[in-house]
């Protein structure tokens, strides 16, 4: 489900009347690493926009004044020693108790004024996740390499689950308590955004997407993303997701490759055998038989893992349902 800017404007008007989230506890979670240039402004902006929320900054071994700047701006600061955004989010979700969780990067690129809109969208519709889809005309804000990686990842997730968000890699999201407390958090790095989206689609949670402004980093602030390194990690994440979520299809593909290879190797041997009654290239025959046997093992593995995956999904669903819903009767449960 997606929401356009006209809907966002309508929701913004309704937010002026009361505090976003009503009487529910709202926690703003900001993971950061060496963001002294921006973190103070980010904390101040969200304190002003969400006056009733608690602002948490989780620092990931910064070597500059990030911690001091965050505290001066009024945030509660925690530290996470294990390097990587995924590790930080795992600790955030485990330690912080709230009803509504807003996750945003500390680099100053996201629009804090959209926070009430995102929260209102979730509470009004009983959703488990609302994603702030990035829209920017600044080339430096959203580089072509990152746009392509986002498109590729989105296409792969759509192929696996039949649906996907427009902005899979957005670092600006709002979650329900049910989502946060059932999230397994396996990722250690920037691939965590992919894992967040997949978790929602695995359990068929109600989600939404709202287009928001996205800015380039201010002068003196540098991105921690590496296009090639993190692109490779995202590609490996896609492969892992395909294997974990659709094991029968994944291993069946390997089975088909093995069968075709074996048939190609066997065809000339079979022709010779039918003509002469001899098998002149025994090693090739053995190789073809071995490849065929390996393909059969792949197919068997896929069938077994498909059963395991179904059981794992049922356990995840039960963990999700174990957390009481905060929304009114009639919302998805």
C-alpha atoms as a PDB file:
ATOM      1  CA  UNK A   1       0.000   0.000   0.000  1.00  0.00           C
ATOM      2  CA  UNK A   2       1.435   3.394  -0.978  1.00  0.00           C
ATOM      3  CA  UNK A   3       0.344   6.926  -0.071  1.00  0.00           C
ATOM      4  CA  UNK A   4       0.932   9.934  -2.306  1.00  0.00           C
ATOM      5  CA  UNK A   5       1.784  13.481  -1.293  1.00  0.00           C
ATOM      6  CA  UNK A   6      -1.858  14.615  -1.282  1.00  0.00           C
ATOM      7  CA  UNK A   7      -2.681  12.017   1.330  1.00  0.00           C
ATOM      8  CA  UNK A   8       0.409  13.059   3.269  1.00  0.00           C
ATOM      9  CA  UNK A   9      -0.784  16.664   3.276  1.00  0.00           C
ATOM     10  CA  UNK A  10      -4.172  15.582   4.608  1.00  0.00           C
ATOM     11  CA  UNK A  11      -2.545  13.603   7.381  1.00  0.00           C
ATOM     12  CA  UNK A  12      -0.278  16.520   8.228  1.00  0.00           C
ATOM     13  CA  UNK A  13      -3.342  18.667   8.834  1.00  0.00           C
ATOM     14  CA  UNK A  14      -4.818  16.137  11.220  1.00  0.00           C
ATOM     15  CA  UNK A  15      -1.542  15.973  13.162  1.00  0.00           C
ATOM     16  CA  UNK A  16      -1.728  19.630  14.123  1.00  0.00           C
ATOM     17  CA  UNK A  17      -4.647  18.971  16.441  1.00  0.00           C
ATOM     18  CA  UNK A  18      -2.960  16.502  18.730  1.00  0.00           C
ATOM     19  CA  UNK A  19       0.350  14.874  19.513  1.00  0.00           C
ATOM     20  CA  UNK A  20       1.219  12.105  16.987  1.00  0.00           C
ATOM     21  CA  UNK A  21       0.592   8.697  18.506  1.00  0.00           C
ATOM     22  CA  UNK A  22      -1.869  10.012  21.078  1.00  0.00           C
ATOM     23  CA  UNK A  23      -1.097   8.578  24.509  1.00  0.00           C
ATOM     24  CA  UNK A  24       1.238   5.916  23.119  1.00  0.00           C
ATOM     25  CA  UNK A  25       4.938   5.950  23.961  1.00  0.00           C
ATOM     26  CA  UNK A  26       6.993   7.107  20.970  1.00  0.00           C
ATOM     27  CA  UNK A  27      10.724   6.386  20.761  1.00  0.00           C
ATOM     28  CA  UNK A  28      12.944   7.996  18.126  1.00  0.00           C
ATOM     29  CA  UNK A  29      15.925   5.732  17.445  1.00  0.00           C
ATOM     30  CA  UNK A  30      18.986   7.265  15.779  1.00  0.00           C
ATOM     31  CA  UNK A  31      21.940   4.992  14.930  1.00  0.00           C
ATOM     32  CA  UNK A  32      25.066   6.962  14.117  1.00  0.00           C
ATOM     33  CA  UNK A  33      28.790   6.772  13.561  1.00  0.00           C
ATOM     34  CA  UNK A  34      30.961   9.905  13.374  1.00  0.00           C
ATOM     35  CA  UNK A  35      28.077  12.314  12.797  1.00  0.00           C
ATOM     36  CA  UNK A  36      29.159  15.277  14.933  1.00  0.00           C
ATOM     37  CA  UNK A  37      28.321  17.686  12.107  1.00  0.00           C
ATOM     38  CA  UNK A  38      24.667  16.645  11.893  1.00  0.00           C
ATOM     39  CA  UNK A  39      23.548  14.756  14.999  1.00  0.00           C
ATOM     40  CA  UNK A  40      22.797  17.847  17.104  1.00  0.00           C
ATOM     41  CA  UNK A  41      20.463  19.285  14.482  1.00  0.00           C
ATOM     42  CA  UNK A  42      18.792  15.907  13.897  1.00  0.00           C
ATOM     43  CA  UNK A  43      18.037  15.479  17.611  1.00  0.00           C
ATOM     44  CA  UNK A  44      16.794  19.070  17.931  1.00  0.00           C
ATOM     45  CA  UNK A  45      14.551  18.734  14.868  1.00  0.00           C
ATOM     46  CA  UNK A  46      12.860  15.583  16.152  1.00  0.00           C
ATOM     47  CA  UNK A  47      12.501  16.974  19.669  1.00  0.00           C
ATOM     48  CA  UNK A  48      10.702  19.957  18.176  1.00  0.00           C
ATOM     49  CA  UNK A  49       8.558  17.899  15.794  1.00  0.00           C
ATOM     50  CA  UNK A  50       7.705  15.131  18.290  1.00  0.00           C
ATOM     51  CA  UNK A  51       7.664  16.928  21.615  1.00  0.00           C
ATOM     52  CA  UNK A  52       6.268  13.925  23.482  1.00  0.00           C
ATOM     53  CA  UNK A  53       8.777  11.411  22.126  1.00  0.00           C
ATOM     54  CA  UNK A  54      11.958  10.137  23.761  1.00  0.00           C
ATOM     55  CA  UNK A  55      15.034  10.562  21.575  1.00  0.00           C
ATOM     56  CA  UNK A  56      17.673   7.821  21.722  1.00  0.00           C
ATOM     57  CA  UNK A  57      21.043   8.009  19.989  1.00  0.00           C
ATOM     58  CA  UNK A  58      22.984   4.753  19.693  1.00  0.00           C
ATOM     59  CA  UNK A  59      26.607   5.500  18.916  1.00  0.00           C
ATOM     60  CA  UNK A  60      28.685   2.910  17.076  1.00  0.00           C
ATOM     61  CA  UNK A  61      32.280   3.624  18.194  1.00  0.00           C
ATOM     62  CA  UNK A  62      32.470   7.206  16.950  1.00  0.00           C
ATOM     63  CA  UNK A  63      35.880   8.836  17.163  1.00  0.00           C
ATOM     64  CA  UNK A  64      34.607  12.433  16.992  1.00  0.00           C
ATOM     65  CA  UNK A  65      32.235  14.468  19.218  1.00  0.00           C
ATOM     66  CA  UNK A  66      29.075  12.639  18.171  1.00  0.00           C
ATOM     67  CA  UNK A  67      28.218  11.505  21.710  1.00  0.00           C
ATOM     68  CA  UNK A  68      28.818  14.938  23.240  1.00  0.00           C
ATOM     69  CA  UNK A  69      26.779  16.695  20.527  1.00  0.00           C
ATOM     70  CA  UNK A  70      23.885  14.270  20.937  1.00  0.00           C
ATOM     71  CA  UNK A  71      23.781  14.755  24.716  1.00  0.00           C
ATOM     72  CA  UNK A  72      23.998  18.526  24.385  1.00  0.00           C
ATOM     73  CA  UNK A  73      20.980  18.407  22.067  1.00  0.00           C
ATOM     74  CA  UNK A  74      18.972  16.466  24.674  1.00  0.00           C
ATOM     75  CA  UNK A  75      19.176  12.853  23.506  1.00  0.00           C
ATOM     76  CA  UNK A  76      19.651   9.757  25.641  1.00  0.00           C
ATOM     77  CA  UNK A  77      22.902   8.229  24.384  1.00  0.00           C
ATOM     78  CA  UNK A  78      23.849   4.547  24.368  1.00  0.00           C
ATOM     79  CA  UNK A  79      26.862   2.868  22.813  1.00  0.00           C
ATOM     80  CA  UNK A  80      27.119  -0.313  20.765  1.00  0.00           C
ATOM     81  CA  UNK A  81      30.572  -1.902  20.442  1.00  0.00           C
ATOM     82  CA  UNK A  82      29.826  -4.342  17.602  1.00  0.00           C
ATOM     83  CA  UNK A  83      30.470  -2.383  14.430  1.00  0.00           C
ATOM     84  CA  UNK A  84      27.718  -2.171  11.832  1.00  0.00           C
ATOM     85  CA  UNK A  85      24.269  -0.619  11.489  1.00  0.00           C
ATOM     86  CA  UNK A  86      22.552  -3.992  11.754  1.00  0.00           C
ATOM     87  CA  UNK A  87      24.231  -4.626  15.099  1.00  0.00           C
ATOM     88  CA  UNK A  88      23.086  -1.222  16.332  1.00  0.00           C
ATOM     89  CA  UNK A  89      19.477  -1.804  15.312  1.00  0.00           C
ATOM     90  CA  UNK A  90      19.501  -5.221  16.990  1.00  0.00           C
ATOM     91  CA  UNK A  91      20.537  -3.578  20.269  1.00  0.00           C
ATOM     92  CA  UNK A  92      18.034  -0.732  19.867  1.00  0.00           C
ATOM     93  CA  UNK A  93      15.099  -3.053  19.315  1.00  0.00           C
ATOM     94  CA  UNK A  94      16.135  -5.252  22.226  1.00  0.00           C
ATOM     95  CA  UNK A  95      16.701  -2.493  24.796  1.00  0.00           C
ATOM     96  CA  UNK A  96      14.115   0.197  24.117  1.00  0.00           C
ATOM     97  CA  UNK A  97      10.553  -0.185  25.359  1.00  0.00           C
ATOM     98  CA  UNK A  98       7.908   1.841  23.520  1.00  0.00           C
ATOM     99  CA  UNK A  99       4.645   1.522  21.606  1.00  0.00           C
ATOM    100  CA  UNK A 100       5.778   3.278  18.431  1.00  0.00           C
ATOM    101  CA  UNK A 101       9.344   3.254  17.138  1.00  0.00           C
ATOM    102  CA  UNK A 102      10.679   5.786  14.639  1.00  0.00           C
ATOM    103  CA  UNK A 103      14.023   4.845  13.091  1.00  0.00           C
ATOM    104  CA  UNK A 104      16.058   7.518  11.297  1.00  0.00           C
ATOM    105  CA  UNK A 105      19.683   7.968  10.293  1.00  0.00           C
ATOM    106  CA  UNK A 106      21.709  10.657  12.043  1.00  0.00           C
ATOM    107  CA  UNK A 107      23.135  12.183   8.863  1.00  0.00           C
ATOM    108  CA  UNK A 108      20.614  15.000   8.530  1.00  0.00           C
ATOM    109  CA  UNK A 109      19.307  13.892   5.119  1.00  0.00           C
ATOM    110  CA  UNK A 110      15.758  13.018   6.191  1.00  0.00           C
ATOM    111  CA  UNK A 111      12.891  15.432   6.812  1.00  0.00           C
ATOM    112  CA  UNK A 112      11.940  15.520  10.503  1.00  0.00           C
ATOM    113  CA  UNK A 113       8.706  17.388   9.743  1.00  0.00           C
ATOM    114  CA  UNK A 114       7.384  14.214   8.054  1.00  0.00           C
ATOM    115  CA  UNK A 115       7.534  12.240  11.321  1.00  0.00           C
ATOM    116  CA  UNK A 116       3.990  13.128  12.500  1.00  0.00           C
ATOM    117  CA  UNK A 117       2.681  12.174   9.055  1.00  0.00           C
ATOM    118  CA  UNK A 118       4.355   8.764   9.212  1.00  0.00           C
ATOM    119  CA  UNK A 119       3.083   8.094  12.738  1.00  0.00           C
ATOM    120  CA  UNK A 120      -0.441   9.238  11.921  1.00  0.00           C
ATOM    121  CA  UNK A 121      -0.482   7.014   8.846  1.00  0.00           C
ATOM    122  CA  UNK A 122       0.420   4.010  11.005  1.00  0.00           C
ATOM    123  CA  UNK A 123      -1.960   4.689  13.896  1.00  0.00           C
ATOM    124  CA  UNK A 124      -4.894   5.654  11.678  1.00  0.00           C
ATOM    125  CA  UNK A 125      -4.662   2.476   9.617  1.00  0.00           C
ATOM    126  CA  UNK A 126      -3.384  -0.051  12.161  1.00  0.00           C
ATOM    127  CA  UNK A 127      -0.131  -0.684  10.286  1.00  0.00           C
ATOM    128  CA  UNK A 128       3.072  -2.351  11.426  1.00  0.00           C
ATOM    129  CA  UNK A 129       5.525  -0.391   9.263  1.00  0.00           C
ATOM    130  CA  UNK A 130       5.483   2.894   7.361  1.00  0.00           C
ATOM    131  CA  UNK A 131       8.456   3.695   5.132  1.00  0.00           C
ATOM    132  CA  UNK A 132       9.516   7.203   4.123  1.00  0.00           C
ATOM    133  CA  UNK A 133      10.223   6.829   0.434  1.00  0.00           C
ATOM    134  CA  UNK A 134      12.967   9.239  -0.612  1.00  0.00           C
ATOM    135  CA  UNK A 135      12.356  11.889  -3.282  1.00  0.00           C
ATOM    136  CA  UNK A 136      15.132  14.298  -4.241  1.00  0.00           C
ATOM    137  CA  UNK A 137      16.267  16.350  -7.207  1.00  0.00           C
ATOM    138  CA  UNK A 138      19.785  16.643  -5.802  1.00  0.00           C
ATOM    139  CA  UNK A 139      22.197  14.342  -7.612  1.00  0.00           C
ATOM    140  CA  UNK A 140      24.563  14.137  -4.628  1.00  0.00           C
ATOM    141  CA  UNK A 141      21.735  13.237  -2.266  1.00  0.00           C
ATOM    142  CA  UNK A 142      20.780  10.048  -4.080  1.00  0.00           C
ATOM    143  CA  UNK A 143      23.622   8.875  -6.302  1.00  0.00           C
ATOM    144  CA  UNK A 144      22.945   6.883  -9.501  1.00  0.00           C
ATOM    145  CA  UNK A 145      24.807   3.834  -8.169  1.00  0.00           C
ATOM    146  CA  UNK A 146      22.592   3.733  -5.101  1.00  0.00           C
ATOM    147  CA  UNK A 147      19.465   4.249  -7.212  1.00  0.00           C
ATOM    148  CA  UNK A 148      20.437   1.281  -9.390  1.00  0.00           C
ATOM    149  CA  UNK A 149      21.167  -0.915  -6.359  1.00  0.00           C
ATOM    150  CA  UNK A 150      17.813   0.037  -4.882  1.00  0.00           C
ATOM    151  CA  UNK A 151      16.056  -0.798  -8.161  1.00  0.00           C
ATOM    152  CA  UNK A 152      17.826  -4.162  -8.458  1.00  0.00           C
ATOM    153  CA  UNK A 153      17.033  -5.112  -4.888  1.00  0.00           C
ATOM    154  CA  UNK A 154      13.420  -4.031  -5.299  1.00  0.00           C
ATOM    155  CA  UNK A 155      13.070  -6.138  -8.458  1.00  0.00           C
ATOM    156  CA  UNK A 156      14.467  -9.210  -6.687  1.00  0.00           C
ATOM    157  CA  UNK A 157      12.207  -8.819  -3.657  1.00  0.00           C
ATOM    158  CA  UNK A 158       9.212  -8.322  -5.942  1.00  0.00           C
ATOM    159  CA  UNK A 159      10.120 -11.555  -7.734  1.00  0.00           C
ATOM    160  CA  UNK A 160      10.321 -13.449  -4.427  1.00  0.00           C
ATOM    161  CA  UNK A 161       7.326 -11.984  -2.586  1.00  0.00           C
ATOM    162  CA  UNK A 162       5.191 -10.617  -5.412  1.00  0.00           C
ATOM    163  CA  UNK A 163       5.288  -7.105  -3.961  1.00  0.00           C
ATOM    164  CA  UNK A 164       7.801  -4.571  -2.765  1.00  0.00           C
ATOM    165  CA  UNK A 165       8.327  -1.001  -1.630  1.00  0.00           C
ATOM    166  CA  UNK A 166       9.520   1.677  -4.017  1.00  0.00           C
ATOM    167  CA  UNK A 167      12.411   2.550  -1.696  1.00  0.00           C
ATOM    168  CA  UNK A 168      13.751  -0.650  -0.150  1.00  0.00           C
ATOM    169  CA  UNK A 169      16.837   1.008   1.326  1.00  0.00           C
ATOM    170  CA  UNK A 170      15.237   3.954   3.104  1.00  0.00           C
ATOM    171  CA  UNK A 171      16.637   4.517   6.593  1.00  0.00           C
ATOM    172  CA  UNK A 172      13.566   6.447   7.762  1.00  0.00           C
ATOM    173  CA  UNK A 173      10.738   4.224   9.032  1.00  0.00           C
ATOM    174  CA  UNK A 174       8.095   3.877  11.720  1.00  0.00           C
ATOM    175  CA  UNK A 175       7.327   0.517  13.363  1.00  0.00           C
ATOM    176  CA  UNK A 176       4.764  -0.935  15.717  1.00  0.00           C
ATOM    177  CA  UNK A 177       5.859  -2.689  18.883  1.00  0.00           C
ATOM    178  CA  UNK A 178       4.717  -5.974  17.352  1.00  0.00           C
ATOM    179  CA  UNK A 179       7.130  -5.521  14.473  1.00  0.00           C
ATOM    180  CA  UNK A 180      10.104  -4.535  16.638  1.00  0.00           C
ATOM    181  CA  UNK A 181       9.753  -7.272  19.230  1.00  0.00           C
ATOM    182  CA  UNK A 182       9.338 -10.027  16.629  1.00  0.00           C
ATOM    183  CA  UNK A 183      12.176  -8.860  14.368  1.00  0.00           C
ATOM    184  CA  UNK A 184      15.017 -11.456  14.326  1.00  0.00           C
ATOM    185  CA  UNK A 185      17.765  -8.956  13.319  1.00  0.00           C
ATOM    186  CA  UNK A 186      20.333 -11.214  11.665  1.00  0.00           C
ATOM    187  CA  UNK A 187      22.050  -8.533   9.560  1.00  0.00           C
ATOM    188  CA  UNK A 188      25.151  -6.773  10.834  1.00  0.00           C
ATOM    189  CA  UNK A 189      25.592  -3.973   8.282  1.00  0.00           C
ATOM    190  CA  UNK A 190      23.665  -1.760   5.878  1.00  0.00           C
ATOM    191  CA  UNK A 191      21.716  -4.727   4.515  1.00  0.00           C
ATOM    192  CA  UNK A 192      19.528  -4.411   7.605  1.00  0.00           C
ATOM    193  CA  UNK A 193      17.008  -2.253   5.668  1.00  0.00           C
ATOM    194  CA  UNK A 194      16.421  -5.192   3.341  1.00  0.00           C
ATOM    195  CA  UNK A 195      15.893  -7.480   6.311  1.00  0.00           C
ATOM    196  CA  UNK A 196      13.359  -5.067   7.829  1.00  0.00           C
ATOM    197  CA  UNK A 197      11.280  -5.090   4.649  1.00  0.00           C
ATOM    198  CA  UNK A 198      11.502  -8.843   4.193  1.00  0.00           C
ATOM    199  CA  UNK A 199      10.376  -9.407   7.785  1.00  0.00           C
ATOM    200  CA  UNK A 200       7.193  -7.456   7.074  1.00  0.00           C
ATOM    201  CA  UNK A 201       6.489  -9.343   3.855  1.00  0.00           C
ATOM    202  CA  UNK A 202       7.267 -12.749   5.376  1.00  0.00           C
ATOM    203  CA  UNK A 203       4.545 -12.275   7.977  1.00  0.00           C
ATOM    204  CA  UNK A 204       2.240 -10.395   5.580  1.00  0.00           C
ATOM    205  CA  UNK A 205       2.143  -7.383   7.872  1.00  0.00           C
ATOM    206  CA  UNK A 206       0.167  -4.309   6.839  1.00  0.00           C
ATOM    207  CA  UNK A 207       2.664  -1.722   5.592  1.00  0.00           C
ATOM    208  CA  UNK A 208       2.573   1.626   3.833  1.00  0.00           C
ATOM    209  CA  UNK A 209       4.916   4.042   2.093  1.00  0.00           C
ATOM    210  CA  UNK A 210       4.860   7.847   2.059  1.00  0.00           C
ATOM    211  CA  UNK A 211       7.023   9.988  -0.198  1.00  0.00           C
ATOM    212  CA  UNK A 212       9.194  12.453   1.741  1.00  0.00           C
ATOM    213  CA  UNK A 213      11.920  14.957   0.913  1.00  0.00           C
ATOM    214  CA  UNK A 214      15.508  13.753   0.926  1.00  0.00           C
ATOM    215  CA  UNK A 215      18.478  16.114   1.175  1.00  0.00           C
ATOM    216  CA  UNK A 216      22.172  15.824   0.525  1.00  0.00           C
ATOM    217  CA  UNK A 217      24.553  15.779   3.448  1.00  0.00           C
ATOM    218  CA  UNK A 218      25.669  19.194   4.741  1.00  0.00           C
ATOM    219  CA  UNK A 219      29.264  20.351   4.150  1.00  0.00           C
ATOM    220  CA  UNK A 220      31.752  18.512   6.362  1.00  0.00           C
ATOM    221  CA  UNK A 221      29.594  15.378   6.641  1.00  0.00           C
ATOM    222  CA  UNK A 222      30.692  12.250   4.785  1.00  0.00           C
ATOM    223  CA  UNK A 223      28.743   9.126   3.871  1.00  0.00           C
ATOM    224  CA  UNK A 224      29.719   5.798   5.419  1.00  0.00           C
ATOM    225  CA  UNK A 225      28.355   3.870   2.431  1.00  0.00           C
ATOM    226  CA  UNK A 226      30.704   2.254  -0.071  1.00  0.00           C
ATOM    227  CA  UNK A 227      28.937   1.717  -3.385  1.00  0.00           C
ATOM    228  CA  UNK A 228      30.829  -1.427  -4.416  1.00  0.00           C
ATOM    229  CA  UNK A 229      31.372  -3.061  -1.032  1.00  0.00           C
ATOM    230  CA  UNK A 230      27.834  -2.482   0.198  1.00  0.00           C
ATOM    231  CA  UNK A 231      26.449  -3.285  -3.253  1.00  0.00           C
ATOM    232  CA  UNK A 232      28.150  -6.684  -3.053  1.00  0.00           C
ATOM    233  CA  UNK A 233      26.723  -7.231   0.411  1.00  0.00           C
ATOM    234  CA  UNK A 234      23.248  -6.399  -0.866  1.00  0.00           C
ATOM    235  CA  UNK A 235      23.699  -8.835  -3.774  1.00  0.00           C
ATOM    236  CA  UNK A 236      24.724 -11.589  -1.356  1.00  0.00           C
ATOM    237  CA  UNK A 237      21.752 -10.690   0.815  1.00  0.00           C
ATOM    238  CA  UNK A 238      19.455 -11.166  -2.192  1.00  0.00           C
ATOM    239  CA  UNK A 239      20.924 -14.633  -2.822  1.00  0.00           C
ATOM    240  CA  UNK A 240      20.554 -15.579   0.840  1.00  0.00           C
ATOM    241  CA  UNK A 241      16.973 -14.317   0.874  1.00  0.00           C
ATOM    242  CA  UNK A 242      16.079 -16.317  -2.203  1.00  0.00           C
ATOM    243  CA  UNK A 243      17.555 -19.472  -0.674  1.00  0.00           C
ATOM    244  CA  UNK A 244      15.926 -18.903   2.723  1.00  0.00           C
ATOM    245  CA  UNK A 245      12.467 -17.871   1.527  1.00  0.00           C
ATOM    246  CA  UNK A 246      12.074 -19.983  -1.629  1.00  0.00           C
ATOM    247  CA  UNK A 247      14.382 -22.983  -1.083  1.00  0.00           C
ATOM    248  CA  UNK A 248      12.465 -25.320  -3.388  1.00  0.00           C
ATOM    249  CA  UNK A 249      12.730 -22.907  -6.339  1.00  0.00           C
ATOM    250  CA  UNK A 250      16.356 -22.067  -5.493  1.00  0.00           C
ATOM    251  CA  UNK A 251      17.526 -25.694  -5.412  1.00  0.00           C
ATOM    252  CA  UNK A 252      15.247 -26.711  -8.282  1.00  0.00           C
ATOM    253  CA  UNK A 253      17.133 -24.226 -10.440  1.00  0.00           C
ATOM    254  CA  UNK A 254      20.369 -26.008  -9.534  1.00  0.00           C
ATOM    255  CA  UNK A 255      18.710 -29.340 -10.292  1.00  0.00           C
ATOM    256  CA  UNK A 256      17.716 -28.156 -13.788  1.00  0.00           C
ATOM    257  CA  UNK A 257      21.252 -26.916 -14.489  1.00  0.00           C
ATOM    258  CA  UNK A 258      22.677 -30.287 -13.423  1.00  0.00           C
ATOM    259  CA  UNK A 259      20.174 -32.230 -15.539  1.00  0.00           C
ATOM    260  CA  UNK A 260      20.902 -30.163 -18.645  1.00  0.00           C
ATOM    261  CA  UNK A 261      24.664 -30.473 -18.138  1.00  0.00           C
ATOM    262  CA  UNK A 262      24.403 -34.217 -17.639  1.00  0.00           C
ATOM    263  CA  UNK A 263      22.235 -34.650 -20.752  1.00  0.00           C
ATOM    264  CA  UNK A 264      24.657 -32.601 -22.875  1.00  0.00           C
ATOM    265  CA  UNK A 265      27.587 -34.750 -21.709  1.00  0.00           C
ATOM    266  CA  UNK A 266      25.639 -37.980 -22.147  1.00  0.00           C
ATOM    267  CA  UNK A 267      24.153 -37.337 -25.614  1.00  0.00           C
ATOM    268  CA  UNK A 268      27.277 -38.128 -27.710  1.00  0.00           C
ATOM    269  CA  UNK A 269      28.107 -41.102 -25.482  1.00  0.00           C
ATOM    270  CA  UNK A 270      24.615 -42.508 -25.927  1.00  0.00           C
ATOM    271  CA  UNK A 271      24.821 -42.062 -29.698  1.00  0.00           C
ATOM    272  CA  UNK A 272      28.136 -43.938 -29.806  1.00  0.00           C
ATOM    273  CA  UNK A 273      26.785 -46.679 -27.553  1.00  0.00           C
ATOM    274  CA  UNK A 274      23.720 -47.217 -29.745  1.00  0.00           C
ATOM    275  CA  UNK A 275      25.904 -47.423 -32.862  1.00  0.00           C
ATOM    276  CA  UNK A 276      28.762 -49.559 -31.535  1.00  0.00           C
ATOM    277  CA  UNK A 277      27.642 -50.970 -28.199  1.00  0.00           C
ATOM    278  CA  UNK A 278      30.734 -49.398 -26.598  1.00  0.00           C
ATOM    279  CA  UNK A 279      31.327 -46.546 -24.144  1.00  0.00           C
ATOM    280  CA  UNK A 280      34.708 -45.197 -25.225  1.00  0.00           C
ATOM    281  CA  UNK A 281      34.834 -42.259 -22.774  1.00  0.00           C
ATOM    282  CA  UNK A 282      34.139 -43.833 -19.404  1.00  0.00           C
ATOM    283  CA  UNK A 283      35.309 -40.815 -17.320  1.00  0.00           C
ATOM    284  CA  UNK A 284      32.777 -38.604 -19.138  1.00  0.00           C
ATOM    285  CA  UNK A 285      30.022 -41.115 -18.431  1.00  0.00           C
ATOM    286  CA  UNK A 286      30.961 -41.207 -14.756  1.00  0.00           C
ATOM    287  CA  UNK A 287      31.008 -37.397 -14.632  1.00  0.00           C
ATOM    288  CA  UNK A 288      27.565 -37.168 -16.263  1.00  0.00           C
ATOM    289  CA  UNK A 289      26.127 -39.690 -13.787  1.00  0.00           C
ATOM    290  CA  UNK A 290      27.711 -37.842 -10.853  1.00  0.00           C
ATOM    291  CA  UNK A 291      26.279 -34.505 -11.975  1.00  0.00           C
ATOM    292  CA  UNK A 292      22.832 -36.057 -12.355  1.00  0.00           C
ATOM    293  CA  UNK A 293      23.089 -37.548  -8.868  1.00  0.00           C
ATOM    294  CA  UNK A 294      24.182 -34.178  -7.470  1.00  0.00           C
ATOM    295  CA  UNK A 295      21.141 -32.569  -9.105  1.00  0.00           C
ATOM    296  CA  UNK A 296      18.879 -35.108  -7.432  1.00  0.00           C
ATOM    297  CA  UNK A 297      20.460 -34.255  -4.074  1.00  0.00           C
ATOM    298  CA  UNK A 298      19.832 -30.552  -4.706  1.00  0.00           C
ATOM    299  CA  UNK A 299      16.178 -31.184  -5.459  1.00  0.00           C
ATOM    300  CA  UNK A 300      15.800 -33.333  -2.350  1.00  0.00           C
ATOM    301  CA  UNK A 301      17.451 -30.623  -0.242  1.00  0.00           C
ATOM    302  CA  UNK A 302      15.049 -28.044  -1.637  1.00  0.00           C
ATOM    303  CA  UNK A 303      12.041 -30.178  -0.747  1.00  0.00           C
ATOM    304  CA  UNK A 304      13.271 -30.733   2.813  1.00  0.00           C
ATOM    305  CA  UNK A 305      14.197 -27.080   3.351  1.00  0.00           C
ATOM    306  CA  UNK A 306      10.843 -25.957   1.972  1.00  0.00           C
ATOM    307  CA  UNK A 307       9.149 -27.888   4.778  1.00  0.00           C
ATOM    308  CA  UNK A 308      11.555 -26.380   7.319  1.00  0.00           C
ATOM    309  CA  UNK A 309      10.871 -22.872   5.983  1.00  0.00           C
ATOM    310  CA  UNK A 310       7.129 -23.322   6.412  1.00  0.00           C
ATOM    311  CA  UNK A 311       7.678 -24.376  10.032  1.00  0.00           C
ATOM    312  CA  UNK A 312       9.980 -21.410  10.644  1.00  0.00           C
ATOM    313  CA  UNK A 313       7.371 -19.044   9.234  1.00  0.00           C
ATOM    314  CA  UNK A 314       4.748 -20.438  11.573  1.00  0.00           C
ATOM    315  CA  UNK A 315       7.046 -19.861  14.563  1.00  0.00           C
ATOM    316  CA  UNK A 316       7.709 -16.277  13.446  1.00  0.00           C
ATOM    317  CA  UNK A 317       3.997 -15.669  13.098  1.00  0.00           C
ATOM    318  CA  UNK A 318       3.346 -16.963  16.605  1.00  0.00           C
ATOM    319  CA  UNK A 319       6.110 -14.683  17.985  1.00  0.00           C
ATOM    320  CA  UNK A 320       4.477 -11.751  16.198  1.00  0.00           C
ATOM    321  CA  UNK A 321       1.027 -12.568  17.570  1.00  0.00           C
ATOM    322  CA  UNK A 322       2.441 -12.976  21.085  1.00  0.00           C
ATOM    323  CA  UNK A 323       2.906  -9.189  21.259  1.00  0.00           C
ATOM    324  CA  UNK A 324      -0.473  -7.517  21.921  1.00  0.00           C
ATOM    325  CA  UNK A 325      -1.754  -5.195  19.220  1.00  0.00           C
ATOM    326  CA  UNK A 326      -1.993  -1.495  20.080  1.00  0.00           C
ATOM    327  CA  UNK A 327      -4.569  -0.698  17.442  1.00  0.00           C
ATOM    328  CA  UNK A 328      -8.314  -0.589  17.550  1.00  0.00           C
ATOM    329  CA  UNK A 329     -10.418  -3.677  16.985  1.00  0.00           C
ATOM    330  CA  UNK A 330     -10.703  -4.386  13.306  1.00  0.00           C
ATOM    331  CA  UNK A 331      -7.078  -3.760  12.368  1.00  0.00           C
ATOM    332  CA  UNK A 332      -4.893  -6.520  10.986  1.00  0.00           C
ATOM    333  CA  UNK A 333      -3.746  -9.008  13.603  1.00  0.00           C
END
